[in-house]
N, C-alpha and C. Protein backbone atom coordinates (compact mmCIF):
# COMPACT_ATOMS: atom_id res chain seq x y z
N GLN A 1 -4.75 -2.22 -3.02
CA GLN A 1 -6.14 -1.88 -2.70
C GLN A 1 -6.18 -1.09 -1.41
N VAL A 2 -6.82 0.06 -1.46
CA VAL A 2 -6.91 0.91 -0.28
C VAL A 2 -7.95 0.36 0.67
N GLN A 3 -7.57 0.30 1.94
CA GLN A 3 -8.51 -0.13 2.96
C GLN A 3 -8.43 0.77 4.17
N LEU A 4 -9.58 1.10 4.72
CA LEU A 4 -9.67 1.80 5.99
C LEU A 4 -10.49 0.92 6.91
N VAL A 5 -9.91 0.58 8.06
CA VAL A 5 -10.58 -0.36 8.97
C VAL A 5 -10.72 0.30 10.34
N GLU A 6 -11.97 0.46 10.76
CA GLU A 6 -12.25 1.06 12.05
C GLU A 6 -12.39 -0.01 13.13
N THR A 7 -11.94 0.30 14.32
CA THR A 7 -12.14 -0.55 15.47
C THR A 7 -12.43 0.32 16.68
N GLY A 8 -12.96 -0.29 17.72
CA GLY A 8 -13.14 0.40 18.98
C GLY A 8 -14.56 0.81 19.31
N GLY A 9 -15.49 0.56 18.41
CA GLY A 9 -16.86 0.91 18.71
C GLY A 9 -17.46 0.00 19.77
N GLY A 10 -18.65 0.35 20.22
CA GLY A 10 -19.33 -0.48 21.22
C GLY A 10 -20.32 0.33 22.01
N LEU A 11 -20.66 -0.20 23.17
CA LEU A 11 -21.63 0.43 24.06
C LEU A 11 -20.87 1.16 25.17
N VAL A 12 -21.25 2.40 25.40
CA VAL A 12 -20.62 3.20 26.44
C VAL A 12 -21.69 4.00 27.17
N GLN A 13 -21.49 4.22 28.44
CA GLN A 13 -22.43 5.02 29.20
C GLN A 13 -22.18 6.51 28.97
N ALA A 14 -23.22 7.27 29.01
CA ALA A 14 -23.07 8.72 28.91
C ALA A 14 -22.12 9.20 30.00
N GLY A 15 -21.21 10.07 29.61
CA GLY A 15 -20.22 10.57 30.55
C GLY A 15 -18.96 9.74 30.64
N GLY A 16 -18.95 8.61 29.99
CA GLY A 16 -17.77 7.75 29.99
C GLY A 16 -16.78 8.17 28.93
N SER A 17 -16.06 7.19 28.38
CA SER A 17 -15.13 7.50 27.30
C SER A 17 -14.96 6.28 26.40
N LEU A 18 -14.59 6.55 25.17
CA LEU A 18 -14.40 5.50 24.17
C LEU A 18 -13.39 6.02 23.16
N ARG A 19 -12.54 5.14 22.64
CA ARG A 19 -11.59 5.57 21.62
C ARG A 19 -11.76 4.71 20.37
N LEU A 20 -11.97 5.37 19.27
CA LEU A 20 -12.05 4.71 17.97
C LEU A 20 -10.70 4.80 17.27
N SER A 21 -10.38 3.76 16.53
CA SER A 21 -9.15 3.75 15.73
C SER A 21 -9.50 3.45 14.28
N CYS A 22 -8.67 3.95 13.39
CA CYS A 22 -8.82 3.68 11.97
C CYS A 22 -7.45 3.42 11.39
N ALA A 23 -7.26 2.23 10.84
CA ALA A 23 -5.99 1.87 10.23
C ALA A 23 -6.13 1.89 8.71
N ALA A 24 -5.26 2.63 8.06
CA ALA A 24 -5.30 2.76 6.60
C ALA A 24 -4.17 1.97 5.96
N SER A 25 -4.43 1.39 4.81
CA SER A 25 -3.41 0.63 4.10
C SER A 25 -3.68 0.71 2.61
N GLY A 26 -2.70 0.34 1.83
CA GLY A 26 -2.88 0.26 0.38
C GLY A 26 -2.23 1.38 -0.39
N ARG A 27 -1.81 2.43 0.28
CA ARG A 27 -1.11 3.55 -0.37
C ARG A 27 -0.55 4.44 0.73
N SER A 28 0.19 5.42 0.32
CA SER A 28 0.70 6.39 1.28
C SER A 28 -0.40 7.41 1.59
N PHE A 29 -0.59 7.70 2.86
CA PHE A 29 -1.58 8.69 3.27
C PHE A 29 -0.91 9.91 3.89
N SER A 30 0.39 10.04 3.67
CA SER A 30 1.12 11.11 4.33
C SER A 30 0.65 12.49 3.89
N ASP A 31 0.06 12.59 2.69
CA ASP A 31 -0.41 13.90 2.22
C ASP A 31 -1.93 13.96 2.15
N TYR A 32 -2.59 13.08 2.87
CA TYR A 32 -4.05 13.03 2.89
C TYR A 32 -4.60 13.62 4.18
N THR A 33 -5.76 14.22 4.07
CA THR A 33 -6.55 14.56 5.24
C THR A 33 -7.38 13.34 5.60
N MET A 34 -7.44 13.02 6.89
CA MET A 34 -8.25 11.90 7.34
C MET A 34 -9.25 12.39 8.36
N GLY A 35 -10.40 11.74 8.39
CA GLY A 35 -11.43 12.24 9.26
C GLY A 35 -12.46 11.20 9.67
N TRP A 36 -13.41 11.68 10.45
CA TRP A 36 -14.50 10.84 10.94
C TRP A 36 -15.84 11.49 10.58
N PHE A 37 -16.75 10.64 10.12
CA PHE A 37 -18.13 11.03 9.90
C PHE A 37 -18.99 10.09 10.72
N ARG A 38 -20.24 10.45 10.90
CA ARG A 38 -21.16 9.57 11.60
C ARG A 38 -22.55 9.66 10.98
N GLN A 39 -23.29 8.58 11.15
CA GLN A 39 -24.66 8.55 10.65
C GLN A 39 -25.55 7.85 11.66
N ALA A 40 -26.51 8.60 12.16
CA ALA A 40 -27.49 8.06 13.10
C ALA A 40 -28.68 7.53 12.32
N PRO A 41 -29.45 6.60 12.90
CA PRO A 41 -30.62 6.05 12.19
C PRO A 41 -31.58 7.15 11.75
N GLY A 42 -31.96 7.12 10.49
CA GLY A 42 -32.91 8.08 9.97
C GLY A 42 -32.33 9.45 9.68
N LYS A 43 -31.03 9.60 9.84
CA LYS A 43 -30.39 10.91 9.60
C LYS A 43 -29.33 10.79 8.52
N GLU A 44 -28.96 11.94 7.98
CA GLU A 44 -27.91 11.95 6.98
C GLU A 44 -26.54 11.83 7.66
N ARG A 45 -25.57 11.38 6.86
CA ARG A 45 -24.21 11.31 7.35
C ARG A 45 -23.71 12.73 7.64
N GLU A 46 -23.02 12.90 8.76
CA GLU A 46 -22.52 14.22 9.11
C GLU A 46 -21.04 14.17 9.49
N PHE A 47 -20.38 15.27 9.20
CA PHE A 47 -18.97 15.42 9.52
C PHE A 47 -18.79 15.51 11.04
N VAL A 48 -17.73 14.87 11.55
CA VAL A 48 -17.43 14.93 12.97
C VAL A 48 -16.12 15.69 13.22
N ALA A 49 -15.04 15.21 12.61
CA ALA A 49 -13.73 15.81 12.84
C ALA A 49 -12.78 15.37 11.74
N ALA A 50 -11.72 16.16 11.54
CA ALA A 50 -10.72 15.82 10.55
C ALA A 50 -9.35 16.32 10.99
N ILE A 51 -8.31 15.70 10.44
CA ILE A 51 -6.94 16.09 10.73
C ILE A 51 -6.14 16.04 9.43
N THR A 52 -5.39 17.10 9.16
CA THR A 52 -4.61 17.15 7.93
C THR A 52 -3.25 16.47 8.14
N TRP A 53 -2.50 16.39 7.05
CA TRP A 53 -1.18 15.76 7.14
C TRP A 53 -0.23 16.55 8.03
N SER A 54 -0.51 17.85 8.20
CA SER A 54 0.34 18.68 9.05
C SER A 54 -0.12 18.70 10.50
N GLY A 55 -1.25 18.06 10.77
CA GLY A 55 -1.73 17.99 12.14
C GLY A 55 -2.81 18.99 12.50
N SER A 56 -3.23 19.81 11.56
CA SER A 56 -4.32 20.74 11.84
C SER A 56 -5.62 19.97 12.00
N THR A 57 -6.42 20.39 12.97
CA THR A 57 -7.67 19.69 13.25
C THR A 57 -8.86 20.63 13.14
N VAL A 58 -9.99 20.03 12.86
CA VAL A 58 -11.25 20.78 12.81
C VAL A 58 -12.35 19.87 13.32
N TYR A 59 -13.31 20.45 14.03
CA TYR A 59 -14.38 19.69 14.64
C TYR A 59 -15.74 20.31 14.32
N GLN A 60 -16.74 19.44 14.28
CA GLN A 60 -18.12 19.92 14.21
C GLN A 60 -18.49 20.44 15.59
N ASP A 61 -19.30 21.49 15.62
CA ASP A 61 -19.59 22.16 16.89
C ASP A 61 -20.10 21.23 18.00
N PRO A 62 -21.00 20.29 17.72
CA PRO A 62 -21.55 19.47 18.82
C PRO A 62 -20.51 18.64 19.57
N VAL A 63 -19.34 18.39 18.97
CA VAL A 63 -18.36 17.53 19.63
C VAL A 63 -17.15 18.31 20.13
N LYS A 64 -17.09 19.58 19.84
CA LYS A 64 -15.95 20.38 20.29
C LYS A 64 -15.81 20.33 21.81
N GLY A 65 -14.59 20.14 22.25
CA GLY A 65 -14.32 20.08 23.68
C GLY A 65 -14.56 18.71 24.30
N ARG A 66 -15.19 17.80 23.56
CA ARG A 66 -15.45 16.45 24.08
C ARG A 66 -14.69 15.39 23.29
N PHE A 67 -14.57 15.56 22.00
CA PHE A 67 -13.89 14.60 21.13
C PHE A 67 -12.54 15.16 20.71
N THR A 68 -11.57 14.27 20.55
CA THR A 68 -10.25 14.67 20.08
C THR A 68 -9.80 13.72 18.98
N ILE A 69 -9.43 14.30 17.84
CA ILE A 69 -8.90 13.50 16.75
C ILE A 69 -7.38 13.60 16.76
N SER A 70 -6.71 12.49 16.51
CA SER A 70 -5.25 12.50 16.48
C SER A 70 -4.78 11.52 15.41
N ARG A 71 -3.48 11.60 15.12
CA ARG A 71 -2.94 10.79 14.03
C ARG A 71 -1.64 10.15 14.50
N GLY A 72 -1.44 8.91 14.13
CA GLY A 72 -0.23 8.21 14.49
C GLY A 72 0.97 8.76 13.74
N ASN A 73 2.16 8.45 14.23
CA ASN A 73 3.39 8.98 13.64
C ASN A 73 3.54 8.59 12.18
N ALA A 74 3.12 7.42 11.82
CA ALA A 74 3.24 6.96 10.43
C ALA A 74 2.11 7.51 9.56
N LYS A 75 1.22 8.24 10.17
CA LYS A 75 0.10 8.90 9.47
C LYS A 75 -0.85 7.91 8.80
N ARG A 76 -0.73 6.63 9.16
CA ARG A 76 -1.65 5.64 8.60
C ARG A 76 -2.77 5.28 9.56
N THR A 77 -2.70 5.79 10.76
CA THR A 77 -3.71 5.49 11.76
C THR A 77 -4.22 6.79 12.36
N ILE A 78 -5.52 6.87 12.51
CA ILE A 78 -6.09 8.01 13.21
C ILE A 78 -6.96 7.49 14.34
N TYR A 79 -7.19 8.36 15.30
CA TYR A 79 -7.97 8.01 16.47
C TYR A 79 -9.04 9.08 16.71
N LEU A 80 -10.09 8.67 17.35
CA LEU A 80 -11.10 9.60 17.82
C LEU A 80 -11.37 9.27 19.28
N GLN A 81 -10.84 10.12 20.16
CA GLN A 81 -11.09 9.96 21.59
C GLN A 81 -12.39 10.65 21.92
N MET A 82 -13.35 9.87 22.40
CA MET A 82 -14.67 10.39 22.71
C MET A 82 -14.83 10.45 24.22
N ASN A 83 -14.78 11.64 24.76
CA ASN A 83 -14.98 11.84 26.19
C ASN A 83 -16.36 12.44 26.43
N SER A 84 -16.93 12.08 27.56
CA SER A 84 -18.27 12.56 27.92
C SER A 84 -19.26 12.41 26.78
N PRO A 85 -19.35 11.23 26.17
CA PRO A 85 -20.32 11.07 25.10
C PRO A 85 -21.74 11.22 25.61
N LYS A 86 -22.64 11.59 24.71
CA LYS A 86 -24.03 11.79 25.03
C LYS A 86 -24.86 10.81 24.21
N PRO A 87 -26.07 10.50 24.62
CA PRO A 87 -26.92 9.60 23.83
C PRO A 87 -27.07 10.06 22.38
N GLU A 88 -27.07 11.36 22.15
CA GLU A 88 -27.20 11.86 20.78
C GLU A 88 -25.96 11.63 19.93
N ASP A 89 -24.88 11.13 20.54
CA ASP A 89 -23.70 10.75 19.77
C ASP A 89 -23.81 9.34 19.20
N THR A 90 -24.87 8.63 19.54
CA THR A 90 -25.08 7.28 19.03
C THR A 90 -25.21 7.30 17.51
N ALA A 91 -24.36 6.51 16.85
CA ALA A 91 -24.33 6.49 15.39
C ALA A 91 -23.32 5.45 14.92
N VAL A 92 -23.33 5.23 13.63
CA VAL A 92 -22.24 4.47 12.99
C VAL A 92 -21.17 5.48 12.62
N TYR A 93 -19.97 5.27 13.12
CA TYR A 93 -18.85 6.17 12.86
C TYR A 93 -17.97 5.58 11.77
N SER A 94 -17.70 6.39 10.75
CA SER A 94 -16.90 5.93 9.62
C SER A 94 -15.66 6.79 9.48
N CYS A 95 -14.56 6.13 9.17
CA CYS A 95 -13.30 6.79 8.89
C CYS A 95 -13.24 7.10 7.39
N ALA A 96 -12.62 8.20 7.04
CA ALA A 96 -12.51 8.57 5.63
C ALA A 96 -11.18 9.26 5.35
N ALA A 97 -10.78 9.25 4.11
CA ALA A 97 -9.54 9.92 3.71
C ALA A 97 -9.75 10.64 2.38
N ARG A 98 -9.09 11.80 2.25
CA ARG A 98 -9.21 12.53 1.00
C ARG A 98 -7.89 13.23 0.71
N SER A 99 -7.59 13.36 -0.57
CA SER A 99 -6.41 14.08 -1.00
C SER A 99 -6.68 15.56 -0.86
N GLY A 100 -5.81 16.28 -0.19
CA GLY A 100 -5.99 17.71 -0.04
C GLY A 100 -6.52 18.09 1.33
N LEU A 101 -7.06 19.28 1.40
CA LEU A 101 -7.52 19.83 2.66
C LEU A 101 -8.87 19.25 3.06
N ASN A 102 -9.32 19.65 4.24
CA ASN A 102 -10.57 19.12 4.78
C ASN A 102 -11.77 19.61 3.99
N SER A 103 -12.80 18.78 3.99
CA SER A 103 -14.09 19.18 3.46
C SER A 103 -15.15 18.55 4.35
N ARG A 104 -16.18 19.33 4.68
CA ARG A 104 -17.28 18.79 5.48
C ARG A 104 -18.30 18.05 4.61
N ASN A 105 -18.09 18.09 3.31
CA ASN A 105 -18.97 17.41 2.37
C ASN A 105 -18.48 15.99 2.17
N SER A 106 -19.30 15.02 2.56
CA SER A 106 -18.87 13.63 2.48
C SER A 106 -18.59 13.20 1.04
N ASN A 107 -19.20 13.84 0.08
CA ASN A 107 -18.98 13.47 -1.32
C ASN A 107 -17.57 13.82 -1.80
N ALA A 108 -16.88 14.64 -1.04
CA ALA A 108 -15.55 15.08 -1.44
C ALA A 108 -14.45 14.15 -0.94
N TRP A 109 -14.82 13.10 -0.23
CA TRP A 109 -13.84 12.19 0.33
C TRP A 109 -13.66 10.98 -0.57
N ASN A 110 -12.39 10.54 -0.69
CA ASN A 110 -12.05 9.51 -1.67
C ASN A 110 -12.24 8.08 -1.14
N TYR A 111 -11.89 7.86 0.11
CA TYR A 111 -11.89 6.51 0.65
C TYR A 111 -12.67 6.45 1.96
N TRP A 112 -13.32 5.30 2.17
CA TRP A 112 -14.17 5.12 3.35
C TRP A 112 -13.94 3.76 3.98
N GLY A 113 -14.08 3.72 5.31
CA GLY A 113 -14.12 2.46 6.01
C GLY A 113 -15.54 1.94 6.06
N GLN A 114 -15.70 0.78 6.67
CA GLN A 114 -17.01 0.15 6.69
C GLN A 114 -17.89 0.67 7.82
N GLY A 115 -17.28 1.33 8.78
CA GLY A 115 -18.04 1.91 9.88
C GLY A 115 -18.03 1.04 11.12
N THR A 116 -18.18 1.68 12.27
CA THR A 116 -18.27 0.96 13.54
C THR A 116 -19.37 1.60 14.38
N GLN A 117 -20.18 0.78 15.00
CA GLN A 117 -21.33 1.27 15.76
C GLN A 117 -20.89 1.77 17.13
N VAL A 118 -21.35 2.95 17.47
CA VAL A 118 -21.16 3.50 18.82
C VAL A 118 -22.54 3.75 19.40
N THR A 119 -22.81 3.17 20.54
CA THR A 119 -24.08 3.35 21.22
C THR A 119 -23.83 3.92 22.60
N VAL A 120 -24.44 5.07 22.88
CA VAL A 120 -24.26 5.73 24.16
C VAL A 120 -25.55 5.59 24.95
N SER A 121 -25.46 4.95 26.09
CA SER A 121 -26.64 4.75 26.93
C SER A 121 -26.75 5.86 27.97
N SER A 122 -27.99 6.20 28.27
CA SER A 122 -28.22 7.29 29.25
C SER A 122 -28.27 6.76 30.66
């Protein structure tokens, strides 16, 4: 059974830093793209960042230069380093995995974690 489990969410002050982790299990993810999406109250889920099996990364414009996605050596864990977060980054952050290249369309992703709440205070 495939599982993606996020940890590291919580309350952070604007301008601080927070690191999210996602541990994947249940199959090999060495050829999967893994990524992060977020959903704020009353808004649709939106793409944040993704990393391919080769290490290529892509970011949504609002987080470029502030967030960094990375992948563990075993390719079963990914991280999202959130530096200088802003109140508008407050959302539930979900880890996802998909076979193949990145897609900003959440419907194109095969596996999802349960999500972790990130709240940025001003």
